[in-house]
Every structure is written in structure tokens, then in C-alpha cells.
Amino acid sequence: MHFVLVDFQNVTKVDLDRLSVDNVVLLLFLGENQKKLSASLERQVIHHPAEVRLIKVGESTPNALDKKLSGYLGGLCSRHREADFYIVSKDKDFDLVVSCLRGTGLRVDRYDAFEEMPIVAPKKGGSSRPPFPMVMPVEAPVQLPVTPTPKGAADKMAKFILHLRRSQASNRTKLEHSIAAYFKPSLPAGGMKGVIAELKKRGVVAIDDKDHVTYPAPT
């Protein structure tokens, strides 16, 4: 498993098509004033097999994004100690975090640019540096059965998930309004309950007994 955490506030050049490995989870940390992705990157997010999570940093306090990225990294490291972790940021303050995590035996590194990572295919004639002092084999992911979905419906749902992660409806009523507005004039097969069930199944939303909606961190 490869986890890539991108400080999208200072590194906005991301090309998913150049990833040279499978089983990648990409986390894009968006600053307070970053409202949307470029059209080309949004297309890649929808169609690329890598799992992409958009993490909004809704605070304007100093180093808010750095703190959130470090918090997510710590949580992921505690749950996936055999994974490889890549921080993409020009902020050298992350080097201390990298050093501390490496001291515990984890494989972590920071790169100034997306294309510098060893899991990104170099351009013709280029090269990439080794990712870590020691490379360990990564266990092959378990392939779960997937129910076939019409391509048009799958694309529409993927686009809606991107939209929802930006807007983040706070309760069931607002979530249902957002779903109805996005899919008008007609909801996908299964109706409103079907869409919400699919969002829960994909881990996009969680709804408690008081109908509060939350957006779980990647696991």
C-alpha cells in the first residue's frame, strides 16, 4: 500500500497518469481558499484507479494545513505500519516529522514535487531517486468483488462524491437536498435511499442516530 499526502497549497502540479504502481491512496490537502481542482486533474480523479481523498482545511490559523496533514499521517502510520508514505510538499518543516517516523522503522519520505516520487514514472531520459534506505515487499491487496455499474452512472456518482466532499452537508436533510439538486431531474436506480447507502458503503459519509453527517478519514 502506498499513501501519498500532498500539500496542495504549495504543490499543485499532480499527474495521476504517471503513477507507476497500483494500490495507491492519494490525499490532497486543500487550503482554505482553494475551492476546486483544475479540470484536467478532476478528470483524472474520476477515472484513475487510485483512491483519491480531498481534505479541506477550513482554518486560516498559521500552519493549519501542516497540522492537519501531520495528524492524518500519524493516524495512517499507526494503522498501516507496513505501508510506504510519501509527503509531497516544499515545506521543510515536515522533515522533522519524517525523521521521527523513520526512527520507529516506518518508510516515510518528503518530496518537493509530485514527479520526484519513485512511484511516478520518469519522463523519457529521466531518473528517480530510491524512496527509502530499505525497500520491503508490500503485501498484495485483496481484490473484493465489485457489482458492475453502467459507466455513465458510475461517472455521475464519482463526480457527485467530489462535489459532496467540497460542500460537506452537515445533516441528513441537507445531504438529501444536495443529492436531489445534483441528480435532477431523476435520481439513480434505488432512489434517495440507494444513493445514501452507496455513499455509506464507499466510506464517504457516516450518519449518526441524530442524522448528523460526518466525513470519515481514510482507513
Protein backbone atom coordinates (compact mmCIF):
# COMPACT_ATOMS: atom_id res chain seq x y z
CA MET A 1 0.00 0.00 0.00
CA HIS A 2 1.26 3.48 -0.89
CA PHE A 3 -0.09 6.59 0.84
CA VAL A 4 0.66 9.94 -0.84
CA LEU A 5 -0.15 13.09 1.17
CA VAL A 6 0.02 16.23 -0.98
CA ASP A 7 0.28 19.73 0.47
CA PHE A 8 -1.83 21.12 -2.37
CA GLN A 9 -1.41 24.63 -1.01
CA ASN A 10 2.16 24.81 -2.31
CA VAL A 11 2.36 21.85 -4.73
CA THR A 12 -0.47 21.95 -7.28
CA LYS A 13 1.15 20.00 -10.11
CA VAL A 14 -0.20 16.45 -9.75
CA ASP A 15 -0.38 13.92 -12.59
CA LEU A 16 -2.08 10.66 -11.62
CA ASP A 17 -1.46 9.16 -15.05
CA ARG A 18 2.28 8.96 -14.28
CA LEU A 19 1.84 6.75 -11.20
CA SER A 20 3.76 3.54 -11.90
CA VAL A 21 2.34 1.34 -9.12
CA ASP A 22 -1.07 0.06 -8.06
CA ASN A 23 -2.69 0.21 -4.63
CA VAL A 24 -2.23 3.97 -4.13
CA VAL A 25 -4.25 6.19 -1.79
CA LEU A 26 -3.77 9.89 -2.59
CA LEU A 27 -4.77 12.56 -0.07
CA LEU A 28 -4.95 16.13 -1.40
CA PHE A 29 -4.93 18.72 1.40
CA LEU A 30 -6.64 21.88 0.14
CA GLY A 31 -6.02 25.29 1.72
CA GLU A 32 -8.86 27.49 2.95
CA ASN A 33 -9.05 29.47 -0.31
CA GLN A 34 -8.74 26.52 -2.68
CA LYS A 35 -12.28 25.78 -3.84
CA LYS A 36 -11.77 23.42 -6.77
CA LEU A 37 -9.33 21.34 -8.79
CA SER A 38 -8.28 22.02 -12.35
CA ALA A 39 -10.50 20.43 -15.00
CA SER A 40 -7.72 18.04 -16.08
CA LEU A 41 -6.97 16.87 -12.53
CA GLU A 42 -10.67 16.44 -11.78
CA ARG A 43 -10.99 14.18 -14.84
CA GLN A 44 -8.05 12.11 -13.60
CA VAL A 45 -9.55 11.83 -10.11
CA ILE A 46 -12.79 10.47 -11.60
CA HIS A 47 -11.26 7.95 -13.99
CA HIS A 48 -7.95 6.89 -12.38
CA PRO A 49 -7.96 3.62 -10.37
CA ALA A 50 -6.05 5.24 -7.49
CA GLU A 51 -8.21 6.17 -4.48
CA VAL A 52 -8.24 9.96 -4.07
CA ARG A 53 -9.42 11.82 -0.96
CA LEU A 54 -9.88 15.60 -0.83
CA ILE A 55 -9.18 17.01 2.64
CA LYS A 56 -10.39 20.59 3.17
CA VAL A 57 -8.53 22.70 5.73
CA GLY A 58 -11.22 25.13 6.79
CA GLU A 59 -9.00 27.18 9.08
CA SER A 60 -6.91 30.28 8.49
CA THR A 61 -4.64 29.84 11.52
CA PRO A 62 -0.87 29.59 10.89
CA ASN A 63 0.27 26.11 9.85
CA ALA A 64 -3.31 24.78 9.90
CA LEU A 65 -2.67 22.63 6.82
CA ASP A 66 0.65 21.33 8.19
CA LYS A 67 -1.02 20.28 11.43
CA LYS A 68 -3.89 18.53 9.64
CA LEU A 69 -1.56 16.70 7.25
CA SER A 70 0.68 15.59 10.13
CA GLY A 71 -2.36 14.38 12.08
CA TYR A 72 -3.63 12.29 9.16
CA LEU A 73 -0.14 10.92 8.58
CA GLY A 74 0.18 9.85 12.22
CA GLY A 75 -3.17 8.08 12.13
CA LEU A 76 -2.37 6.27 8.89
CA CYS A 77 1.07 5.22 10.15
CA SER A 78 -0.46 3.70 13.28
CA ARG A 79 -2.90 1.61 11.21
CA HIS A 80 -0.68 0.70 8.25
CA ARG A 81 2.85 0.18 9.54
CA GLU A 82 3.84 -1.93 6.52
CA ALA A 83 2.85 0.75 4.00
CA ASP A 84 5.01 3.34 2.22
CA PHE A 85 4.29 7.00 2.98
CA TYR A 86 5.14 9.99 0.77
CA ILE A 87 4.72 13.64 1.75
CA VAL A 88 4.66 15.98 -1.25
CA SER A 89 5.43 19.49 -0.02
CA LYS A 90 8.09 22.16 -0.33
CA ASP A 91 7.73 22.84 3.39
CA LYS A 92 10.92 21.55 5.04
CA ASP A 93 9.25 21.64 8.46
CA PHE A 94 7.92 18.17 7.60
CA ASP A 95 11.49 16.81 7.64
CA LEU A 96 11.43 16.59 11.44
CA VAL A 97 8.20 14.53 11.26
CA VAL A 98 9.80 12.28 8.63
CA SER A 99 12.90 11.79 10.78
CA CYS A 100 10.87 10.87 13.87
CA LEU A 101 8.70 8.37 11.98
CA ARG A 102 11.70 6.77 10.28
CA GLY A 103 13.21 6.29 13.73
CA THR A 104 10.32 3.95 14.54
CA GLY A 105 11.02 1.80 11.47
CA LEU A 106 8.41 3.34 9.15
CA ARG A 107 9.13 4.07 5.50
CA VAL A 108 8.41 7.78 5.10
CA ASP A 109 9.93 10.47 2.89
CA ARG A 110 9.22 14.03 1.71
CA TYR A 111 9.44 15.26 -1.88
CA ASP A 112 9.37 18.83 -3.18
CA ALA A 113 7.39 17.81 -6.27
CA PHE A 114 4.96 15.04 -7.25
CA GLU A 115 7.18 13.85 -10.10
CA GLU A 116 10.16 13.36 -7.74
CA MET A 117 8.50 10.39 -6.04
CA PRO A 118 9.92 6.99 -7.03
CA ILE A 119 6.41 5.68 -7.73
CA VAL A 120 5.97 8.26 -10.51
CA ALA A 121 7.22 7.18 -13.93
CA PRO A 122 10.05 9.46 -15.07
CA LYS A 123 9.90 11.28 -18.35
CA LYS A 124 11.95 9.79 -21.15
CA GLY A 125 15.61 10.03 -20.23
CA GLY A 126 14.82 10.97 -16.61
CA SER A 127 15.54 9.18 -13.37
CA SER A 128 14.18 8.97 -9.86
CA ARG A 129 15.90 8.56 -6.51
CA PRO A 130 15.29 5.49 -4.31
CA PRO A 131 12.32 6.04 -1.97
CA PHE A 132 13.78 4.79 1.32
CA PRO A 133 17.02 3.38 2.74
CA MET A 134 15.45 -0.08 2.65
CA VAL A 135 12.61 -1.28 0.43
CA MET A 136 10.42 -4.03 1.84
CA PRO A 137 7.89 -6.07 -0.17
CA VAL A 138 4.31 -4.88 0.10
CA GLU A 139 1.59 -7.47 0.54
CA ALA A 140 -0.70 -7.72 -2.48
CA PRO A 141 -4.11 -6.13 -1.91
CA VAL A 142 -7.17 -8.34 -1.55
CA GLN A 143 -9.43 -7.93 -4.56
CA LEU A 144 -13.07 -7.60 -3.49
CA PRO A 145 -15.92 -8.37 -5.89
CA VAL A 146 -17.45 -5.28 -7.46
CA THR A 147 -21.00 -5.09 -8.72
CA PRO A 148 -20.96 -3.85 -12.34
CA THR A 149 -22.32 -0.34 -12.74
CA PRO A 150 -23.18 1.43 -16.00
CA LYS A 151 -20.29 3.73 -16.94
CA GLY A 152 -22.46 6.85 -17.13
CA ALA A 153 -23.96 6.24 -13.69
CA ALA A 154 -20.53 5.48 -12.19
CA ASP A 155 -19.07 8.70 -13.60
CA LYS A 156 -22.01 10.73 -12.29
CA MET A 157 -21.65 9.22 -8.81
CA ALA A 158 -17.87 9.82 -8.79
CA LYS A 159 -18.41 13.47 -9.75
CA PHE A 160 -21.05 13.84 -7.04
CA ILE A 161 -18.66 12.45 -4.42
CA LEU A 162 -16.11 15.12 -5.40
CA HIS A 163 -18.85 17.76 -5.15
CA LEU A 164 -20.01 16.44 -1.76
CA ARG A 165 -16.50 16.38 -0.27
CA ARG A 166 -16.21 20.07 -1.10
CA SER A 167 -19.65 21.13 0.17
CA GLN A 168 -19.88 18.65 3.11
CA ALA A 169 -23.58 18.77 4.01
CA SER A 170 -23.80 18.67 7.81
CA ASN A 171 -27.06 16.73 8.31
CA ARG A 172 -29.31 14.24 6.51
CA THR A 173 -31.77 16.90 5.30
CA LYS A 174 -29.02 18.98 3.69
CA LEU A 175 -27.46 15.83 2.25
CA GLU A 176 -30.77 14.79 0.66
CA HIS A 177 -31.25 18.30 -0.78
CA SER A 178 -27.72 18.17 -2.23
CA ILE A 179 -28.40 14.74 -3.79
CA ALA A 180 -31.75 15.80 -5.25
CA ALA A 181 -30.30 19.00 -6.73
CA TYR A 182 -27.28 17.26 -8.26
CA PHE A 183 -29.12 14.32 -9.83
CA LYS A 184 -32.21 16.19 -11.04
CA PRO A 185 -34.44 15.56 -12.89
CA SER A 186 -34.26 11.90 -11.73
CA LEU A 187 -32.27 10.02 -9.08
CA PRO A 188 -30.22 6.89 -9.92
CA ALA A 189 -31.71 3.43 -9.51
CA GLY A 190 -32.59 2.87 -5.88
CA GLY A 191 -33.63 6.46 -5.32
CA MET A 192 -32.53 8.61 -2.38
CA LYS A 193 -32.03 5.63 -0.07
CA GLY A 194 -29.91 3.91 -2.69
CA VAL A 195 -27.61 6.92 -3.15
CA ILE A 196 -27.13 7.35 0.61
CA ALA A 197 -26.50 3.63 1.03
CA GLU A 198 -23.84 3.78 -1.72
CA LEU A 199 -22.15 6.78 -0.05
CA LYS A 200 -22.03 4.88 3.24
CA LYS A 201 -20.74 1.74 1.52
CA ARG A 202 -17.89 3.69 -0.06
CA GLY A 203 -16.98 5.27 3.27
CA VAL A 204 -17.74 8.78 2.02
CA VAL A 205 -20.27 9.64 4.74
CA ALA A 206 -21.38 8.40 8.15
CA ILE A 207 -24.77 9.32 9.64
CA ASP A 208 -25.47 9.03 13.37
CA ASP A 209 -28.83 8.45 15.10
CA LYS A 210 -29.40 12.21 15.25
CA ASP A 211 -28.96 12.47 11.45
CA HIS A 212 -25.66 14.33 11.74
CA VAL A 213 -23.43 13.67 8.73
CA THR A 214 -19.65 13.27 9.06
CA TYR A 215 -16.93 12.50 6.53
CA PRO A 216 -14.61 9.74 7.80
CA ALA A 217 -10.87 9.94 7.32
CA PRO A 218 -9.34 7.26 5.04
CA THR A 219 -8.53 3.98 6.73
